[in-house]
């Protein structure tokens, strides 16, 4: 069983990003020392909040991350050129000593695609083709590629990843079509944080069946899920600590068409959040683990929550919950 953290590096405009980066360094050091297994950054462009880009941020955190995996959760792959991504990601994989995890997604925000001059309807095919080109480049051979979106003739990647044939690729998706596609490719599916228990568990079962049908074995399979975490003496106390902040963070997404974060908040509150006592959280983990999930990536930072509270949350989880799942 693996436990990681998702850094929520989104801030109000005008906030001191140098100070905030220092907080993230300290937070990364703290979760490292507490025995967490991974740390991930998020990715958006032109956000309603000031959102530092993940690759330079993660590069800043590498020397403070110990032997944890470090990665993107997720990188919006269609927004860049595969030659650019291939060398950027190979560089950070080398810098981390081969600890990088490339979490990717196709994106969804119309304003991001418009700003890049990309048709939103092409996002999945661009993502898949980008990954295909990147993998060709990571062979170290001179390659040519004539595809739907990218045409490349006789180029060789100047930086190769430390991991061979490349860093592990995890893929996010919020719907059955995307999940089925990911299973057929054999990639780990990143289950999102905002979905209810039955949705996550049911779609994981479908994913595993599709993955098996595509010829991929279960041994060593990574099955990650994102969850919002607050550990206190009770659900009520946890929600009092972080409820306002977590809802404010979700409300930022309503403007991008995700109005169900508002209209279905009560369901998210009670059936998606990992809020509660140590016994409550352990029971939730056990339930999800029995369904197959084996890498829990927790967000314990939200808009407006003091960083000291985030330190307390990850500390209490490490003290009162994590040992129950470790030999």
C-alpha atoms as a PDB file:
ATOM      1  CA  UNK A   1       0.000   0.000   0.000  1.00  0.00           C
ATOM      2  CA  UNK A   2       1.385   3.400  -1.016  1.00  0.00           C
ATOM      3  CA  UNK A   3       0.452   6.845   0.275  1.00  0.00           C
ATOM      4  CA  UNK A   4       1.285  10.122  -1.434  1.00  0.00           C
ATOM      5  CA  UNK A   5       0.351  13.785  -1.367  1.00  0.00           C
ATOM      6  CA  UNK A   6      -1.010  16.060  -4.063  1.00  0.00           C
ATOM      7  CA  UNK A   7       0.291  19.608  -3.709  1.00  0.00           C
ATOM      8  CA  UNK A   8      -2.454  22.173  -4.269  1.00  0.00           C
ATOM      9  CA  UNK A   9      -0.263  25.045  -5.458  1.00  0.00           C
ATOM     10  CA  UNK A  10      -3.087  27.449  -6.361  1.00  0.00           C
ATOM     11  CA  UNK A  11      -3.191  30.881  -4.745  1.00  0.00           C
ATOM     12  CA  UNK A  12      -4.986  34.179  -4.892  1.00  0.00           C
ATOM     13  CA  UNK A  13      -3.479  36.667  -7.334  1.00  0.00           C
ATOM     14  CA  UNK A  14      -0.966  38.898  -5.592  1.00  0.00           C
ATOM     15  CA  UNK A  15       0.098  36.212  -3.129  1.00  0.00           C
ATOM     16  CA  UNK A  16       3.845  35.913  -2.502  1.00  0.00           C
ATOM     17  CA  UNK A  17       4.782  32.910  -4.656  1.00  0.00           C
ATOM     18  CA  UNK A  18       8.359  32.873  -3.398  1.00  0.00           C
ATOM     19  CA  UNK A  19       7.070  32.450   0.156  1.00  0.00           C
ATOM     20  CA  UNK A  20       4.538  29.866  -0.990  1.00  0.00           C
ATOM     21  CA  UNK A  21       7.267  27.881  -2.731  1.00  0.00           C
ATOM     22  CA  UNK A  22       9.214  27.885   0.516  1.00  0.00           C
ATOM     23  CA  UNK A  23       6.145  26.451   2.248  1.00  0.00           C
ATOM     24  CA  UNK A  24       5.948  23.683  -0.345  1.00  0.00           C
ATOM     25  CA  UNK A  25       9.619  22.855   0.218  1.00  0.00           C
ATOM     26  CA  UNK A  26       8.970  22.522   3.957  1.00  0.00           C
ATOM     27  CA  UNK A  27       5.791  20.524   3.342  1.00  0.00           C
ATOM     28  CA  UNK A  28       7.639  18.141   1.023  1.00  0.00           C
ATOM     29  CA  UNK A  29      10.393  17.675   3.591  1.00  0.00           C
ATOM     30  CA  UNK A  30       7.751  16.979   6.233  1.00  0.00           C
ATOM     31  CA  UNK A  31       5.870  14.306   4.276  1.00  0.00           C
ATOM     32  CA  UNK A  32       9.213  12.776   3.281  1.00  0.00           C
ATOM     33  CA  UNK A  33      10.206  12.466   6.937  1.00  0.00           C
ATOM     34  CA  UNK A  34       6.776  11.069   7.852  1.00  0.00           C
ATOM     35  CA  UNK A  35       7.204   8.146   5.450  1.00  0.00           C
ATOM     36  CA  UNK A  36       4.973   9.086   2.522  1.00  0.00           C
ATOM     37  CA  UNK A  37       5.783   7.465  -0.805  1.00  0.00           C
ATOM     38  CA  UNK A  38       5.079  10.137  -3.413  1.00  0.00           C
ATOM     39  CA  UNK A  39       4.438  13.813  -4.077  1.00  0.00           C
ATOM     40  CA  UNK A  40       2.610  15.251  -7.093  1.00  0.00           C
ATOM     41  CA  UNK A  41       1.955  18.675  -8.596  1.00  0.00           C
ATOM     42  CA  UNK A  42      -1.043  19.961 -10.553  1.00  0.00           C
ATOM     43  CA  UNK A  43      -1.249  21.684 -13.945  1.00  0.00           C
ATOM     44  CA  UNK A  44      -3.373  24.404 -15.507  1.00  0.00           C
ATOM     45  CA  UNK A  45      -2.893  27.466 -17.673  1.00  0.00           C
ATOM     46  CA  UNK A  46      -4.713  30.796 -17.444  1.00  0.00           C
ATOM     47  CA  UNK A  47      -6.409  29.739 -14.224  1.00  0.00           C
ATOM     48  CA  UNK A  48      -8.669  31.875 -12.063  1.00  0.00           C
ATOM     49  CA  UNK A  49      -5.985  31.337  -9.410  1.00  0.00           C
ATOM     50  CA  UNK A  50      -2.244  31.877  -9.580  1.00  0.00           C
ATOM     51  CA  UNK A  51      -0.989  28.377 -10.390  1.00  0.00           C
ATOM     52  CA  UNK A  52       2.785  27.842 -10.700  1.00  0.00           C
ATOM     53  CA  UNK A  53       3.709  25.374 -13.420  1.00  0.00           C
ATOM     54  CA  UNK A  54       4.444  21.858 -12.149  1.00  0.00           C
ATOM     55  CA  UNK A  55       7.705  20.892 -13.858  1.00  0.00           C
ATOM     56  CA  UNK A  56       9.798  23.828 -12.590  1.00  0.00           C
ATOM     57  CA  UNK A  57       8.110  23.547  -9.201  1.00  0.00           C
ATOM     58  CA  UNK A  58       8.819  19.819  -8.927  1.00  0.00           C
ATOM     59  CA  UNK A  59      12.402  20.459 -10.015  1.00  0.00           C
ATOM     60  CA  UNK A  60      12.696  22.792  -7.020  1.00  0.00           C
ATOM     61  CA  UNK A  61      11.411  20.029  -4.735  1.00  0.00           C
ATOM     62  CA  UNK A  62      13.573  17.153  -5.993  1.00  0.00           C
ATOM     63  CA  UNK A  63      16.426  17.703  -3.552  1.00  0.00           C
ATOM     64  CA  UNK A  64      13.947  17.779  -0.657  1.00  0.00           C
ATOM     65  CA  UNK A  65      11.946  14.695  -1.604  1.00  0.00           C
ATOM     66  CA  UNK A  66      14.252  11.911  -0.424  1.00  0.00           C
ATOM     67  CA  UNK A  67      13.398   8.649  -2.171  1.00  0.00           C
ATOM     68  CA  UNK A  68       9.739   9.509  -2.754  1.00  0.00           C
ATOM     69  CA  UNK A  69       8.303   9.274  -6.240  1.00  0.00           C
ATOM     70  CA  UNK A  70       7.735  12.744  -7.653  1.00  0.00           C
ATOM     71  CA  UNK A  71       5.375  13.503 -10.502  1.00  0.00           C
ATOM     72  CA  UNK A  72       2.542  15.318 -12.189  1.00  0.00           C
ATOM     73  CA  UNK A  73      -1.012  14.733 -11.158  1.00  0.00           C
ATOM     74  CA  UNK A  74      -1.703  15.577 -13.953  1.00  0.00           C
ATOM     75  CA  UNK A  75       0.113  17.238 -16.890  1.00  0.00           C
ATOM     76  CA  UNK A  76      -2.200  18.414 -19.687  1.00  0.00           C
ATOM     77  CA  UNK A  77      -0.265  16.771 -22.502  1.00  0.00           C
ATOM     78  CA  UNK A  78      -2.222  18.163 -25.511  1.00  0.00           C
ATOM     79  CA  UNK A  79      -1.134  21.703 -24.562  1.00  0.00           C
ATOM     80  CA  UNK A  80       2.467  21.154 -25.632  1.00  0.00           C
ATOM     81  CA  UNK A  81       4.604  19.708 -28.387  1.00  0.00           C
ATOM     82  CA  UNK A  82       5.912  16.174 -27.774  1.00  0.00           C
ATOM     83  CA  UNK A  83       9.507  17.177 -28.541  1.00  0.00           C
ATOM     84  CA  UNK A  84       9.284  19.806 -25.809  1.00  0.00           C
ATOM     85  CA  UNK A  85       7.644  17.429 -23.335  1.00  0.00           C
ATOM     86  CA  UNK A  86      10.084  14.594 -24.124  1.00  0.00           C
ATOM     87  CA  UNK A  87      13.166  16.635 -23.261  1.00  0.00           C
ATOM     88  CA  UNK A  88      11.575  18.427 -20.279  1.00  0.00           C
ATOM     89  CA  UNK A  89      10.393  15.178 -18.717  1.00  0.00           C
ATOM     90  CA  UNK A  90      13.616  13.322 -19.485  1.00  0.00           C
ATOM     91  CA  UNK A  91      15.501  16.139 -17.771  1.00  0.00           C
ATOM     92  CA  UNK A  92      13.445  16.022 -14.585  1.00  0.00           C
ATOM     93  CA  UNK A  93      13.642  12.219 -14.547  1.00  0.00           C
ATOM     94  CA  UNK A  94      17.430  12.472 -14.696  1.00  0.00           C
ATOM     95  CA  UNK A  95      17.465  15.160 -12.000  1.00  0.00           C
ATOM     96  CA  UNK A  96      15.358  12.963  -9.711  1.00  0.00           C
ATOM     97  CA  UNK A  97      17.507   9.885 -10.236  1.00  0.00           C
ATOM     98  CA  UNK A  98      14.707   8.049 -12.024  1.00  0.00           C
ATOM     99  CA  UNK A  99      11.891   8.789  -9.566  1.00  0.00           C
ATOM    100  CA  UNK A 100       9.545  10.695 -11.868  1.00  0.00           C
ATOM    101  CA  UNK A 101       5.953   9.620 -12.572  1.00  0.00           C
ATOM    102  CA  UNK A 102       4.340  11.180 -15.634  1.00  0.00           C
ATOM    103  CA  UNK A 103       0.676  11.643 -14.802  1.00  0.00           C
ATOM    104  CA  UNK A 104      -1.166  12.955 -17.860  1.00  0.00           C
ATOM    105  CA  UNK A 105      -4.636  13.976 -18.931  1.00  0.00           C
ATOM    106  CA  UNK A 106      -6.376  15.385 -21.976  1.00  0.00           C
ATOM    107  CA  UNK A 107      -7.694  18.565 -20.332  1.00  0.00           C
ATOM    108  CA  UNK A 108     -11.173  20.021 -20.465  1.00  0.00           C
ATOM    109  CA  UNK A 109     -11.113  23.832 -20.115  1.00  0.00           C
ATOM    110  CA  UNK A 110     -12.214  25.582 -23.294  1.00  0.00           C
ATOM    111  CA  UNK A 111     -10.232  28.754 -22.563  1.00  0.00           C
ATOM    112  CA  UNK A 112      -6.961  26.816 -22.344  1.00  0.00           C
ATOM    113  CA  UNK A 113      -7.480  25.183 -25.733  1.00  0.00           C
ATOM    114  CA  UNK A 114      -8.566  28.470 -27.317  1.00  0.00           C
ATOM    115  CA  UNK A 115      -5.470  30.256 -26.023  1.00  0.00           C
ATOM    116  CA  UNK A 116      -3.207  27.605 -27.544  1.00  0.00           C
ATOM    117  CA  UNK A 117      -5.122  27.556 -30.824  1.00  0.00           C
ATOM    118  CA  UNK A 118      -6.054  23.899 -30.338  1.00  0.00           C
ATOM    119  CA  UNK A 119      -9.466  22.443 -31.088  1.00  0.00           C
ATOM    120  CA  UNK A 120     -10.792  20.896 -27.903  1.00  0.00           C
ATOM    121  CA  UNK A 121     -12.291  17.962 -29.798  1.00  0.00           C
ATOM    122  CA  UNK A 122      -8.763  16.836 -30.762  1.00  0.00           C
ATOM    123  CA  UNK A 123      -7.458  16.660 -27.195  1.00  0.00           C
ATOM    124  CA  UNK A 124      -7.519  12.866 -26.803  1.00  0.00           C
ATOM    125  CA  UNK A 125      -5.927  12.111 -30.169  1.00  0.00           C
ATOM    126  CA  UNK A 126      -3.279  14.789 -29.496  1.00  0.00           C
ATOM    127  CA  UNK A 127      -2.524  13.277 -26.095  1.00  0.00           C
ATOM    128  CA  UNK A 128      -2.168   9.762 -27.498  1.00  0.00           C
ATOM    129  CA  UNK A 129      -0.042  10.874 -30.432  1.00  0.00           C
ATOM    130  CA  UNK A 130       2.148  13.023 -28.182  1.00  0.00           C
ATOM    131  CA  UNK A 131       2.875  10.054 -25.959  1.00  0.00           C
ATOM    132  CA  UNK A 132       3.637   7.904 -29.008  1.00  0.00           C
ATOM    133  CA  UNK A 133       6.167  10.470 -30.273  1.00  0.00           C
ATOM    134  CA  UNK A 134       7.727  10.897 -26.830  1.00  0.00           C
ATOM    135  CA  UNK A 135       8.297   7.178 -26.498  1.00  0.00           C
ATOM    136  CA  UNK A 136       9.932   7.062 -29.909  1.00  0.00           C
ATOM    137  CA  UNK A 137      12.213   9.934 -28.899  1.00  0.00           C
ATOM    138  CA  UNK A 138      13.138   8.223 -25.637  1.00  0.00           C
ATOM    139  CA  UNK A 139      14.683   5.319 -27.544  1.00  0.00           C
ATOM    140  CA  UNK A 140      17.605   7.619 -28.308  1.00  0.00           C
ATOM    141  CA  UNK A 141      17.377   6.775 -31.994  1.00  0.00           C
ATOM    142  CA  UNK A 142      16.875   9.280 -34.780  1.00  0.00           C
ATOM    143  CA  UNK A 143      13.152   9.225 -35.514  1.00  0.00           C
ATOM    144  CA  UNK A 144      10.644  10.437 -38.054  1.00  0.00           C
ATOM    145  CA  UNK A 145       6.917  10.694 -37.465  1.00  0.00           C
ATOM    146  CA  UNK A 146       4.103  11.649 -39.789  1.00  0.00           C
ATOM    147  CA  UNK A 147       0.904  11.798 -37.782  1.00  0.00           C
ATOM    148  CA  UNK A 148      -2.414  13.581 -37.579  1.00  0.00           C
ATOM    149  CA  UNK A 149      -1.082  16.389 -35.396  1.00  0.00           C
ATOM    150  CA  UNK A 150       2.719  16.209 -35.526  1.00  0.00           C
ATOM    151  CA  UNK A 151       5.192  15.831 -38.383  1.00  0.00           C
ATOM    152  CA  UNK A 152       8.811  15.253 -37.406  1.00  0.00           C
ATOM    153  CA  UNK A 153      11.671  14.318 -39.700  1.00  0.00           C
ATOM    154  CA  UNK A 154      15.012  12.858 -38.639  1.00  0.00           C
ATOM    155  CA  UNK A 155      15.376  14.131 -35.058  1.00  0.00           C
ATOM    156  CA  UNK A 156      17.040  12.667 -31.991  1.00  0.00           C
ATOM    157  CA  UNK A 157      16.250  13.497 -28.367  1.00  0.00           C
ATOM    158  CA  UNK A 158      19.251  15.153 -26.687  1.00  0.00           C
ATOM    159  CA  UNK A 159      18.217  14.084 -23.163  1.00  0.00           C
ATOM    160  CA  UNK A 160      17.013  10.582 -22.331  1.00  0.00           C
ATOM    161  CA  UNK A 161      15.151   9.618 -19.157  1.00  0.00           C
ATOM    162  CA  UNK A 162      16.917   7.710 -16.394  1.00  0.00           C
ATOM    163  CA  UNK A 163      14.115   5.129 -16.346  1.00  0.00           C
ATOM    164  CA  UNK A 164      13.988   2.795 -19.324  1.00  0.00           C
ATOM    165  CA  UNK A 165      12.154   2.906 -21.632  1.00  0.00           C
ATOM    166  CA  UNK A 166      10.780   6.006 -19.870  1.00  0.00           C
ATOM    167  CA  UNK A 167       9.057   7.123 -16.677  1.00  0.00           C
ATOM    168  CA  UNK A 168       5.838   5.330 -15.730  1.00  0.00           C
ATOM    169  CA  UNK A 169       2.754   6.934 -17.262  1.00  0.00           C
ATOM    170  CA  UNK A 170      -0.462   7.298 -15.264  1.00  0.00           C
ATOM    171  CA  UNK A 171      -3.544   8.690 -16.994  1.00  0.00           C
ATOM    172  CA  UNK A 172      -6.508  10.562 -15.567  1.00  0.00           C
ATOM    173  CA  UNK A 173     -10.067  10.253 -16.868  1.00  0.00           C
ATOM    174  CA  UNK A 174     -13.515  11.047 -15.469  1.00  0.00           C
ATOM    175  CA  UNK A 175     -15.722   8.957 -17.743  1.00  0.00           C
ATOM    176  CA  UNK A 176     -16.171   5.336 -18.838  1.00  0.00           C
ATOM    177  CA  UNK A 177     -14.986   5.894 -22.418  1.00  0.00           C
ATOM    178  CA  UNK A 178     -11.689   7.371 -21.253  1.00  0.00           C
ATOM    179  CA  UNK A 179     -11.252   4.734 -18.565  1.00  0.00           C
ATOM    180  CA  UNK A 180     -11.796   1.945 -21.108  1.00  0.00           C
ATOM    181  CA  UNK A 181      -9.238   3.532 -23.437  1.00  0.00           C
ATOM    182  CA  UNK A 182      -6.649   3.742 -20.641  1.00  0.00           C
ATOM    183  CA  UNK A 183      -7.242   0.106 -19.691  1.00  0.00           C
ATOM    184  CA  UNK A 184      -6.706  -0.990 -23.285  1.00  0.00           C
ATOM    185  CA  UNK A 185      -3.373   0.839 -23.302  1.00  0.00           C
ATOM    186  CA  UNK A 186      -2.305  -0.807 -20.048  1.00  0.00           C
ATOM    187  CA  UNK A 187      -1.703   2.468 -18.212  1.00  0.00           C
ATOM    188  CA  UNK A 188      -2.679   3.004 -14.588  1.00  0.00           C
ATOM    189  CA  UNK A 189      -5.922   4.969 -14.345  1.00  0.00           C
ATOM    190  CA  UNK A 190      -5.886   7.840 -11.828  1.00  0.00           C
ATOM    191  CA  UNK A 191      -9.307   7.848 -10.181  1.00  0.00           C
ATOM    192  CA  UNK A 192     -10.339  11.452  -9.426  1.00  0.00           C
ATOM    193  CA  UNK A 193     -10.834  12.916  -5.964  1.00  0.00           C
ATOM    194  CA  UNK A 194     -14.342  14.272  -6.421  1.00  0.00           C
ATOM    195  CA  UNK A 195     -16.224  11.089  -7.277  1.00  0.00           C
ATOM    196  CA  UNK A 196     -18.316   9.071  -4.879  1.00  0.00           C
ATOM    197  CA  UNK A 197     -17.236   5.722  -3.536  1.00  0.00           C
ATOM    198  CA  UNK A 198     -19.541   3.550  -5.663  1.00  0.00           C
ATOM    199  CA  UNK A 199     -18.560   5.367  -8.866  1.00  0.00           C
ATOM    200  CA  UNK A 200     -14.836   4.936  -8.164  1.00  0.00           C
ATOM    201  CA  UNK A 201     -15.136   1.285  -7.152  1.00  0.00           C
ATOM    202  CA  UNK A 202     -17.456   0.370 -10.027  1.00  0.00           C
ATOM    203  CA  UNK A 203     -15.275   2.014 -12.644  1.00  0.00           C
ATOM    204  CA  UNK A 204     -12.166   0.391 -11.193  1.00  0.00           C
ATOM    205  CA  UNK A 205     -13.793  -3.024 -11.616  1.00  0.00           C
ATOM    206  CA  UNK A 206     -14.600  -2.196 -15.246  1.00  0.00           C
ATOM    207  CA  UNK A 207     -11.066  -0.876 -15.783  1.00  0.00           C
ATOM    208  CA  UNK A 208      -9.491  -4.053 -14.409  1.00  0.00           C
ATOM    209  CA  UNK A 209     -11.707  -6.263 -16.560  1.00  0.00           C
ATOM    210  CA  UNK A 210     -10.887  -4.257 -19.704  1.00  0.00           C
ATOM    211  CA  UNK A 211      -7.199  -4.254 -18.831  1.00  0.00           C
ATOM    212  CA  UNK A 212      -7.190  -8.028 -18.395  1.00  0.00           C
ATOM    213  CA  UNK A 213      -9.083  -8.503 -21.671  1.00  0.00           C
ATOM    214  CA  UNK A 214      -6.400  -6.426 -23.403  1.00  0.00           C
ATOM    215  CA  UNK A 215      -3.761  -8.888 -22.212  1.00  0.00           C
ATOM    216  CA  UNK A 216      -2.251  -7.016 -19.279  1.00  0.00           C
ATOM    217  CA  UNK A 217      -1.553  -8.932 -16.074  1.00  0.00           C
ATOM    218  CA  UNK A 218      -2.542  -7.901 -12.552  1.00  0.00           C
ATOM    219  CA  UNK A 219       0.823  -8.554 -10.923  1.00  0.00           C
ATOM    220  CA  UNK A 220       2.515  -5.287 -10.009  1.00  0.00           C
ATOM    221  CA  UNK A 221      -0.361  -3.180 -11.348  1.00  0.00           C
ATOM    222  CA  UNK A 222      -0.509   0.334  -9.915  1.00  0.00           C
ATOM    223  CA  UNK A 223      -4.066   1.462  -9.134  1.00  0.00           C
ATOM    224  CA  UNK A 224      -3.962   5.053  -7.871  1.00  0.00           C
ATOM    225  CA  UNK A 225      -6.726   7.286  -6.555  1.00  0.00           C
ATOM    226  CA  UNK A 226      -6.848  10.926  -5.462  1.00  0.00           C
ATOM    227  CA  UNK A 227      -8.752  11.801  -2.285  1.00  0.00           C
ATOM    228  CA  UNK A 228      -9.180  14.921  -0.140  1.00  0.00           C
ATOM    229  CA  UNK A 229      -7.954  14.137   3.387  1.00  0.00           C
ATOM    230  CA  UNK A 230      -8.562  15.653   6.803  1.00  0.00           C
ATOM    231  CA  UNK A 231      -7.954  13.582   9.938  1.00  0.00           C
ATOM    232  CA  UNK A 232      -9.424  14.814  13.225  1.00  0.00           C
ATOM    233  CA  UNK A 233     -11.359  13.311  16.134  1.00  0.00           C
ATOM    234  CA  UNK A 234     -14.569  13.061  14.079  1.00  0.00           C
ATOM    235  CA  UNK A 235     -16.053  13.858  10.682  1.00  0.00           C
ATOM    236  CA  UNK A 236     -17.687  16.962  12.161  1.00  0.00           C
ATOM    237  CA  UNK A 237     -14.402  18.266  13.533  1.00  0.00           C
ATOM    238  CA  UNK A 238     -12.573  17.514  10.285  1.00  0.00           C
ATOM    239  CA  UNK A 239     -15.203  19.390   8.311  1.00  0.00           C
ATOM    240  CA  UNK A 240     -15.030  22.300  10.734  1.00  0.00           C
ATOM    241  CA  UNK A 241     -11.273  22.458  10.160  1.00  0.00           C
ATOM    242  CA  UNK A 242     -11.217  22.164   6.370  1.00  0.00           C
ATOM    243  CA  UNK A 243     -14.775  22.140   5.018  1.00  0.00           C
ATOM    244  CA  UNK A 244     -14.923  25.808   4.064  1.00  0.00           C
ATOM    245  CA  UNK A 245     -11.523  25.624   2.372  1.00  0.00           C
ATOM    246  CA  UNK A 246     -12.187  22.428   0.434  1.00  0.00           C
ATOM    247  CA  UNK A 247     -15.522  23.722  -0.818  1.00  0.00           C
ATOM    248  CA  UNK A 248     -13.942  27.029  -1.863  1.00  0.00           C
ATOM    249  CA  UNK A 249     -11.359  25.065  -3.853  1.00  0.00           C
ATOM    250  CA  UNK A 250     -14.051  23.022  -5.598  1.00  0.00           C
ATOM    251  CA  UNK A 251     -16.132  26.130  -6.288  1.00  0.00           C
ATOM    252  CA  UNK A 252     -13.282  27.497  -8.405  1.00  0.00           C
ATOM    253  CA  UNK A 253     -14.087  24.740 -10.913  1.00  0.00           C
ATOM    254  CA  UNK A 254     -17.775  25.631 -11.244  1.00  0.00           C
ATOM    255  CA  UNK A 255     -16.887  28.449 -13.655  1.00  0.00           C
ATOM    256  CA  UNK A 256     -15.335  25.858 -15.985  1.00  0.00           C
ATOM    257  CA  UNK A 257     -18.600  23.984 -16.407  1.00  0.00           C
ATOM    258  CA  UNK A 258     -18.321  21.688 -13.392  1.00  0.00           C
ATOM    259  CA  UNK A 259     -21.451  23.024 -11.715  1.00  0.00           C
ATOM    260  CA  UNK A 260     -22.121  19.613 -10.144  1.00  0.00           C
ATOM    261  CA  UNK A 261     -19.437  20.505  -7.582  1.00  0.00           C
ATOM    262  CA  UNK A 262     -22.029  22.964  -6.303  1.00  0.00           C
ATOM    263  CA  UNK A 263     -25.296  21.142  -6.994  1.00  0.00           C
ATOM    264  CA  UNK A 264     -24.025  17.774  -5.716  1.00  0.00           C
ATOM    265  CA  UNK A 265     -21.875  19.049  -2.878  1.00  0.00           C
ATOM    266  CA  UNK A 266     -23.638  17.084  -0.148  1.00  0.00           C
ATOM    267  CA  UNK A 267     -22.916  13.831  -1.977  1.00  0.00           C
ATOM    268  CA  UNK A 268     -19.263  14.775  -2.467  1.00  0.00           C
ATOM    269  CA  UNK A 269     -19.031  15.855   1.172  1.00  0.00           C
ATOM    270  CA  UNK A 270     -20.258  12.562   2.603  1.00  0.00           C
ATOM    271  CA  UNK A 271     -19.231  10.020  -0.061  1.00  0.00           C
ATOM    272  CA  UNK A 272     -16.010  11.346  -1.598  1.00  0.00           C
ATOM    273  CA  UNK A 273     -14.077  13.234   1.081  1.00  0.00           C
ATOM    274  CA  UNK A 274     -11.745  11.250   3.327  1.00  0.00           C
ATOM    275  CA  UNK A 275     -12.686  13.322   6.377  1.00  0.00           C
ATOM    276  CA  UNK A 276     -13.066  11.870   9.851  1.00  0.00           C
ATOM    277  CA  UNK A 277     -11.356  10.112  12.731  1.00  0.00           C
ATOM    278  CA  UNK A 278      -8.365   7.803  12.266  1.00  0.00           C
ATOM    279  CA  UNK A 279     -10.750   4.842  12.481  1.00  0.00           C
ATOM    280  CA  UNK A 280     -13.023   6.434   9.861  1.00  0.00           C
ATOM    281  CA  UNK A 281     -10.135   7.019   7.461  1.00  0.00           C
ATOM    282  CA  UNK A 282      -8.677   3.552   8.001  1.00  0.00           C
ATOM    283  CA  UNK A 283     -12.069   1.999   7.241  1.00  0.00           C
ATOM    284  CA  UNK A 284     -12.345   4.010   4.015  1.00  0.00           C
ATOM    285  CA  UNK A 285      -8.866   2.963   2.923  1.00  0.00           C
ATOM    286  CA  UNK A 286      -9.612  -0.679   3.704  1.00  0.00           C
ATOM    287  CA  UNK A 287     -12.831  -0.481   1.691  1.00  0.00           C
ATOM    288  CA  UNK A 288     -11.135   1.071  -1.341  1.00  0.00           C
ATOM    289  CA  UNK A 289      -8.159  -1.284  -1.014  1.00  0.00           C
ATOM    290  CA  UNK A 290     -10.440  -4.320  -1.096  1.00  0.00           C
ATOM    291  CA  UNK A 291     -11.753  -2.976  -4.407  1.00  0.00           C
ATOM    292  CA  UNK A 292      -8.156  -2.883  -5.668  1.00  0.00           C
ATOM    293  CA  UNK A 293      -6.822   0.641  -5.147  1.00  0.00           C
ATOM    294  CA  UNK A 294      -3.243   0.510  -3.875  1.00  0.00           C
ATOM    295  CA  UNK A 295      -1.785   4.025  -4.165  1.00  0.00           C
ATOM    296  CA  UNK A 296      -3.718   6.747  -2.328  1.00  0.00           C
ATOM    297  CA  UNK A 297      -2.686  10.300  -3.227  1.00  0.00           C
ATOM    298  CA  UNK A 298      -4.098  12.731  -0.676  1.00  0.00           C
ATOM    299  CA  UNK A 299      -4.732  16.437  -0.985  1.00  0.00           C
ATOM    300  CA  UNK A 300      -4.509  18.147   2.404  1.00  0.00           C
ATOM    301  CA  UNK A 301      -4.129  21.722   1.119  1.00  0.00           C
ATOM    302  CA  UNK A 302      -6.953  23.935  -0.081  1.00  0.00           C
ATOM    303  CA  UNK A 303      -7.547  27.556  -0.884  1.00  0.00           C
ATOM    304  CA  UNK A 304      -7.463  29.581   2.329  1.00  0.00           C
ATOM    305  CA  UNK A 305      -6.412  26.793   4.700  1.00  0.00           C
ATOM    306  CA  UNK A 306      -3.333  27.790   6.748  1.00  0.00           C
ATOM    307  CA  UNK A 307      -0.349  25.627   5.838  1.00  0.00           C
ATOM    308  CA  UNK A 308       0.036  24.738   9.518  1.00  0.00           C
ATOM    309  CA  UNK A 309      -3.265  22.881   9.316  1.00  0.00           C
ATOM    310  CA  UNK A 310      -2.015  20.906   6.318  1.00  0.00           C
ATOM    311  CA  UNK A 311       1.080  19.915   8.290  1.00  0.00           C
ATOM    312  CA  UNK A 312      -1.149  18.685  11.126  1.00  0.00           C
ATOM    313  CA  UNK A 313      -3.352  16.637   8.783  1.00  0.00           C
ATOM    314  CA  UNK A 314      -0.528  14.724   7.087  1.00  0.00           C
ATOM    315  CA  UNK A 315       1.202  14.279  10.433  1.00  0.00           C
ATOM    316  CA  UNK A 316      -1.838  12.785  12.127  1.00  0.00           C
ATOM    317  CA  UNK A 317      -2.469  10.459   9.191  1.00  0.00           C
ATOM    318  CA  UNK A 318       1.131   9.251   9.342  1.00  0.00           C
ATOM    319  CA  UNK A 319       0.916   8.722  13.096  1.00  0.00           C
ATOM    320  CA  UNK A 320      -2.577   7.274  13.538  1.00  0.00           C
ATOM    321  CA  UNK A 321      -3.524   5.668  10.204  1.00  0.00           C
ATOM    322  CA  UNK A 322      -0.501   4.811   8.075  1.00  0.00           C
ATOM    323  CA  UNK A 323       1.006   2.241  10.497  1.00  0.00           C
ATOM    324  CA  UNK A 324      -2.143   0.114  10.181  1.00  0.00           C
ATOM    325  CA  UNK A 325      -1.242  -0.540   6.534  1.00  0.00           C
ATOM    326  CA  UNK A 326       2.497  -0.972   6.915  1.00  0.00           C
ATOM    327  CA  UNK A 327       4.324  -4.136   8.028  1.00  0.00           C
END
